[in-house]
Amino acid sequence: MAAVQSAPLFSRTQALGLSARASEADLIRLAQAHLPDWQDLLASGVWLRAPELGLMHVQARADGDGAPFFFHEITITRASLRMPDGRTGHAMVLGRSQTACQIVALFDACAKDADWAQTHGSVWVAELQEAENTKRASREAEAELSRVDFFTLARESGD
């Protein structure tokens, strides 16, 4: 009977989304912890698409369901990496950091190994999720400091 490998505790979409929004410092820290030879792995891979910068149009909708309209442009970096064993990783990150993009592509390739995804990949995603939650809570607390409560005083009629 063949051994059944369980699926990782995260989806590829979730992992790439968290990685794309993460800071370069967080990605380097995670790469050093979970891929100690990450720089050698990057050097041994073949870049199908070397990290390149570009712009992406962001669309929005009025009230969330209206007709889409052009909202803004953002800078992105994208790359594709093929590892010597044939696994391929793709990345598209916000900003201009080529290092962050390379690490995300390497993570994507490594996450296709079920054993690595179960052990290191799950921790990677959990740490990025925790960092994003902390950042979101910090922004919400900062916004709460500037909140203004408006109130009205009803005039009493003097009959």
C-alpha atoms as a PDB file:
ATOM      1  CA  MET A   1       0.000   0.000   0.000  1.00  0.00           C
ATOM      2  CA  ALA A   2       1.421   3.387  -1.012  1.00  0.00           C
ATOM      3  CA  ALA A   3       2.006   6.001   1.619  1.00  0.00           C
ATOM      4  CA  VAL A   4      -0.438   8.866   1.385  1.00  0.00           C
ATOM      5  CA  GLN A   5       1.100  12.294   1.848  1.00  0.00           C
ATOM      6  CA  SER A   6      -1.177  14.758   3.513  1.00  0.00           C
ATOM      7  CA  ALA A   7      -1.706  18.159   1.975  1.00  0.00           C
ATOM      8  CA  PRO A   8       0.032  21.166   3.513  1.00  0.00           C
ATOM      9  CA  LEU A   9      -1.864  23.237   6.047  1.00  0.00           C
ATOM     10  CA  PHE A  10      -2.023  26.196   3.675  1.00  0.00           C
ATOM     11  CA  SER A  11      -3.156  26.899   0.147  1.00  0.00           C
ATOM     12  CA  ARG A  12      -0.733  28.108  -2.495  1.00  0.00           C
ATOM     13  CA  THR A  13      -2.869  31.212  -3.009  1.00  0.00           C
ATOM     14  CA  GLN A  14      -2.733  32.045   0.698  1.00  0.00           C
ATOM     15  CA  ALA A  15       1.024  31.436   0.902  1.00  0.00           C
ATOM     16  CA  LEU A  16       1.879  33.508  -2.172  1.00  0.00           C
ATOM     17  CA  GLY A  17      -0.445  36.324  -1.078  1.00  0.00           C
ATOM     18  CA  LEU A  18       1.139  36.548   2.361  1.00  0.00           C
ATOM     19  CA  SER A  19       4.622  36.321   0.867  1.00  0.00           C
ATOM     20  CA  ALA A  20       3.888  39.005  -1.725  1.00  0.00           C
ATOM     21  CA  ARG A  21       2.761  41.443   0.971  1.00  0.00           C
ATOM     22  CA  ALA A  22       5.592  40.637   3.403  1.00  0.00           C
ATOM     23  CA  SER A  23       8.551  42.902   3.985  1.00  0.00           C
ATOM     24  CA  GLU A  24      11.952  42.041   2.563  1.00  0.00           C
ATOM     25  CA  ALA A  25      13.372  41.787   6.093  1.00  0.00           C
ATOM     26  CA  ASP A  26      10.739  39.217   7.111  1.00  0.00           C
ATOM     27  CA  LEU A  27      11.357  37.168   3.971  1.00  0.00           C
ATOM     28  CA  ILE A  28      15.133  37.154   4.500  1.00  0.00           C
ATOM     29  CA  ARG A  29      14.648  36.138   8.148  1.00  0.00           C
ATOM     30  CA  LEU A  30      12.351  33.278   7.137  1.00  0.00           C
ATOM     31  CA  ALA A  31      14.669  32.156   4.337  1.00  0.00           C
ATOM     32  CA  GLN A  32      17.607  32.018   6.746  1.00  0.00           C
ATOM     33  CA  ALA A  33      15.545  30.016   9.241  1.00  0.00           C
ATOM     34  CA  HIS A  34      13.860  27.559   6.868  1.00  0.00           C
ATOM     35  CA  LEU A  35      16.201  27.515   3.851  1.00  0.00           C
ATOM     36  CA  PRO A  36      19.681  27.986   5.356  1.00  0.00           C
ATOM     37  CA  ASP A  37      21.331  27.597   1.935  1.00  0.00           C
ATOM     38  CA  TRP A  38      18.806  29.831   0.154  1.00  0.00           C
ATOM     39  CA  GLN A  39      21.450  31.865  -1.666  1.00  0.00           C
ATOM     40  CA  ASP A  40      23.071  28.687  -3.036  1.00  0.00           C
ATOM     41  CA  LEU A  41      19.631  27.404  -4.079  1.00  0.00           C
ATOM     42  CA  LEU A  42      18.972  30.643  -5.955  1.00  0.00           C
ATOM     43  CA  ALA A  43      22.355  30.386  -7.675  1.00  0.00           C
ATOM     44  CA  SER A  44      21.762  26.763  -8.704  1.00  0.00           C
ATOM     45  CA  GLY A  45      18.328  27.471 -10.207  1.00  0.00           C
ATOM     46  CA  VAL A  46      17.578  28.625 -13.733  1.00  0.00           C
ATOM     47  CA  TRP A  47      15.680  31.878 -14.036  1.00  0.00           C
ATOM     48  CA  LEU A  48      12.862  31.359 -16.528  1.00  0.00           C
ATOM     49  CA  ARG A  49      12.019  35.005 -15.905  1.00  0.00           C
ATOM     50  CA  ALA A  50      14.675  37.000 -14.108  1.00  0.00           C
ATOM     51  CA  PRO A  51      13.293  39.477 -11.578  1.00  0.00           C
ATOM     52  CA  GLU A  52      11.848  42.403 -13.497  1.00  0.00           C
ATOM     53  CA  LEU A  53      10.063  45.550 -12.428  1.00  0.00           C
ATOM     54  CA  GLY A  54       6.793  46.751 -13.867  1.00  0.00           C
ATOM     55  CA  LEU A  55       3.599  48.640 -13.241  1.00  0.00           C
ATOM     56  CA  MET A  56       0.182  47.163 -12.664  1.00  0.00           C
ATOM     57  CA  HIS A  57      -3.114  48.984 -12.992  1.00  0.00           C
ATOM     58  CA  VAL A  58      -5.370  48.687  -9.982  1.00  0.00           C
ATOM     59  CA  GLN A  59      -9.091  48.843 -10.575  1.00  0.00           C
ATOM     60  CA  ALA A  60     -11.836  49.668  -8.116  1.00  0.00           C
ATOM     61  CA  ARG A  61     -15.619  49.680  -8.121  1.00  0.00           C
ATOM     62  CA  ALA A  62     -17.926  52.310  -6.691  1.00  0.00           C
ATOM     63  CA  ASP A  63     -19.839  50.819  -3.764  1.00  0.00           C
ATOM     64  CA  GLY A  64     -18.117  47.506  -4.445  1.00  0.00           C
ATOM     65  CA  ASP A  65     -20.474  46.494  -7.247  1.00  0.00           C
ATOM     66  CA  GLY A  66     -20.452  49.399  -9.718  1.00  0.00           C
ATOM     67  CA  ALA A  67     -18.613  49.590 -12.997  1.00  0.00           C
ATOM     68  CA  PRO A  68     -14.839  49.127 -12.633  1.00  0.00           C
ATOM     69  CA  PHE A  69     -12.663  52.199 -13.019  1.00  0.00           C
ATOM     70  CA  PHE A  70      -8.921  52.842 -13.066  1.00  0.00           C
ATOM     71  CA  PHE A  71      -7.855  53.647  -9.524  1.00  0.00           C
ATOM     72  CA  HIS A  72      -4.076  53.663  -9.367  1.00  0.00           C
ATOM     73  CA  GLU A  73      -0.815  52.134 -10.585  1.00  0.00           C
ATOM     74  CA  ILE A  74       1.449  50.082  -8.340  1.00  0.00           C
ATOM     75  CA  THR A  75       5.018  48.918  -8.804  1.00  0.00           C
ATOM     76  CA  ILE A  76       5.518  45.163  -8.843  1.00  0.00           C
ATOM     77  CA  THR A  77       8.431  42.779  -9.309  1.00  0.00           C
ATOM     78  CA  ARG A  78       7.919  39.354 -10.850  1.00  0.00           C
ATOM     79  CA  ALA A  79      10.117  36.319 -11.450  1.00  0.00           C
ATOM     80  CA  SER A  80      10.021  32.601 -12.270  1.00  0.00           C
ATOM     81  CA  LEU A  81      12.631  30.096 -11.095  1.00  0.00           C
ATOM     82  CA  ARG A  82      13.235  26.444 -12.064  1.00  0.00           C
ATOM     83  CA  MET A  83      15.139  24.415  -9.505  1.00  0.00           C
ATOM     84  CA  PRO A  84      17.657  21.725 -10.587  1.00  0.00           C
ATOM     85  CA  ASP A  85      15.145  19.007  -9.610  1.00  0.00           C
ATOM     86  CA  GLY A  86      12.511  20.494 -11.952  1.00  0.00           C
ATOM     87  CA  ARG A  87      10.259  22.259  -9.440  1.00  0.00           C
ATOM     88  CA  THR A  88       9.224  25.700 -10.638  1.00  0.00           C
ATOM     89  CA  GLY A  89       8.392  28.705  -8.500  1.00  0.00           C
ATOM     90  CA  HIS A  90       6.716  31.936  -9.517  1.00  0.00           C
ATOM     91  CA  ALA A  91       6.507  35.229  -7.667  1.00  0.00           C
ATOM     92  CA  MET A  92       4.911  38.639  -8.001  1.00  0.00           C
ATOM     93  CA  VAL A  93       5.532  41.025  -5.132  1.00  0.00           C
ATOM     94  CA  LEU A  94       4.585  44.605  -4.398  1.00  0.00           C
ATOM     95  CA  GLY A  95       7.412  47.088  -4.714  1.00  0.00           C
ATOM     96  CA  ARG A  96      10.870  47.033  -6.238  1.00  0.00           C
ATOM     97  CA  SER A  97      12.681  44.441  -4.107  1.00  0.00           C
ATOM     98  CA  GLN A  98      14.307  41.901  -6.367  1.00  0.00           C
ATOM     99  CA  THR A  99      15.610  39.982  -3.341  1.00  0.00           C
ATOM    100  CA  ALA A 100      12.103  39.602  -1.918  1.00  0.00           C
ATOM    101  CA  CYS A 101      10.828  38.439  -5.297  1.00  0.00           C
ATOM    102  CA  GLN A 102      13.605  35.854  -5.585  1.00  0.00           C
ATOM    103  CA  ILE A 103      12.870  34.500  -2.101  1.00  0.00           C
ATOM    104  CA  VAL A 104       9.143  34.204  -2.830  1.00  0.00           C
ATOM    105  CA  ALA A 105       9.872  32.333  -6.082  1.00  0.00           C
ATOM    106  CA  LEU A 106      12.217  30.014  -4.171  1.00  0.00           C
ATOM    107  CA  PHE A 107       9.561  29.479  -1.479  1.00  0.00           C
ATOM    108  CA  ASP A 108       6.976  28.634  -4.149  1.00  0.00           C
ATOM    109  CA  ALA A 109       9.298  26.057  -5.684  1.00  0.00           C
ATOM    110  CA  CYS A 110      10.217  24.529  -2.322  1.00  0.00           C
ATOM    111  CA  ALA A 111       6.571  24.402  -1.227  1.00  0.00           C
ATOM    112  CA  LYS A 112       5.897  21.935  -4.040  1.00  0.00           C
ATOM    113  CA  ASP A 113       7.829  19.358  -2.004  1.00  0.00           C
ATOM    114  CA  ALA A 114       5.161  17.933   0.306  1.00  0.00           C
ATOM    115  CA  ASP A 115       7.571  17.134   3.149  1.00  0.00           C
ATOM    116  CA  TRP A 116       9.080  20.630   3.146  1.00  0.00           C
ATOM    117  CA  ALA A 117       5.617  22.203   2.872  1.00  0.00           C
ATOM    118  CA  GLN A 118       4.367  20.219   5.886  1.00  0.00           C
ATOM    119  CA  THR A 119       7.258  21.196   8.111  1.00  0.00           C
ATOM    120  CA  HIS A 120       8.936  24.435   7.089  1.00  0.00           C
ATOM    121  CA  GLY A 121       6.276  25.792   4.728  1.00  0.00           C
ATOM    122  CA  SER A 122       3.523  25.663   7.333  1.00  0.00           C
ATOM    123  CA  VAL A 123       5.672  27.543   9.837  1.00  0.00           C
ATOM    124  CA  TRP A 124       6.630  30.060   7.119  1.00  0.00           C
ATOM    125  CA  VAL A 125       2.978  30.800   6.335  1.00  0.00           C
ATOM    126  CA  ALA A 126       1.986  30.929  10.017  1.00  0.00           C
ATOM    127  CA  GLU A 127       4.735  33.452  10.793  1.00  0.00           C
ATOM    128  CA  LEU A 128       3.786  35.637   7.820  1.00  0.00           C
ATOM    129  CA  GLN A 129       0.110  35.490   8.855  1.00  0.00           C
ATOM    130  CA  GLU A 130       1.034  36.519  12.394  1.00  0.00           C
ATOM    131  CA  ALA A 131       3.189  39.405  11.109  1.00  0.00           C
ATOM    132  CA  GLU A 132       0.356  40.590   8.850  1.00  0.00           C
ATOM    133  CA  ASN A 133      -2.170  40.392  11.698  1.00  0.00           C
ATOM    134  CA  THR A 134       0.170  42.402  13.936  1.00  0.00           C
ATOM    135  CA  LYS A 135       0.641  45.035  11.240  1.00  0.00           C
ATOM    136  CA  ARG A 136      -3.124  45.245  10.671  1.00  0.00           C
ATOM    137  CA  ALA A 137      -3.813  45.595  14.407  1.00  0.00           C
ATOM    138  CA  SER A 138      -1.203  48.338  14.639  1.00  0.00           C
ATOM    139  CA  ARG A 139      -2.790  50.267  11.743  1.00  0.00           C
ATOM    140  CA  GLU A 140      -6.243  49.878  13.275  1.00  0.00           C
ATOM    141  CA  ALA A 141      -4.995  51.122  16.656  1.00  0.00           C
ATOM    142  CA  GLU A 142      -3.324  54.111  14.980  1.00  0.00           C
ATOM    143  CA  ALA A 143      -6.515  54.927  13.092  1.00  0.00           C
ATOM    144  CA  GLU A 144      -8.528  54.605  16.293  1.00  0.00           C
ATOM    145  CA  LEU A 145      -6.385  57.335  17.872  1.00  0.00           C
ATOM    146  CA  SER A 146      -7.526  59.799  15.229  1.00  0.00           C
ATOM    147  CA  ARG A 147     -11.203  58.877  15.387  1.00  0.00           C
ATOM    148  CA  VAL A 148     -13.586  61.713  16.092  1.00  0.00           C
ATOM    149  CA  ASP A 149     -17.015  61.081  17.554  1.00  0.00           C
ATOM    150  CA  PHE A 150     -19.519  63.592  16.283  1.00  0.00           C
ATOM    151  CA  PHE A 151     -22.666  64.271  18.213  1.00  0.00           C
ATOM    152  CA  THR A 152     -25.505  66.713  17.931  1.00  0.00           C
ATOM    153  CA  LEU A 153     -27.398  68.634  20.495  1.00  0.00           C
ATOM    154  CA  ALA A 154     -31.093  68.818  19.907  1.00  0.00           C
ATOM    155  CA  ARG A 155     -32.556  72.235  20.522  1.00  0.00           C
ATOM    156  CA  GLU A 156     -35.544  72.377  22.729  1.00  0.00           C
ATOM    157  CA  SER A 157     -38.350  74.515  21.447  1.00  0.00           C
ATOM    158  CA  GLY A 158     -39.414  77.179  23.932  1.00  0.00           C
ATOM    159  CA  ASP A 159     -43.141  77.453  23.492  1.00  0.00           C
END
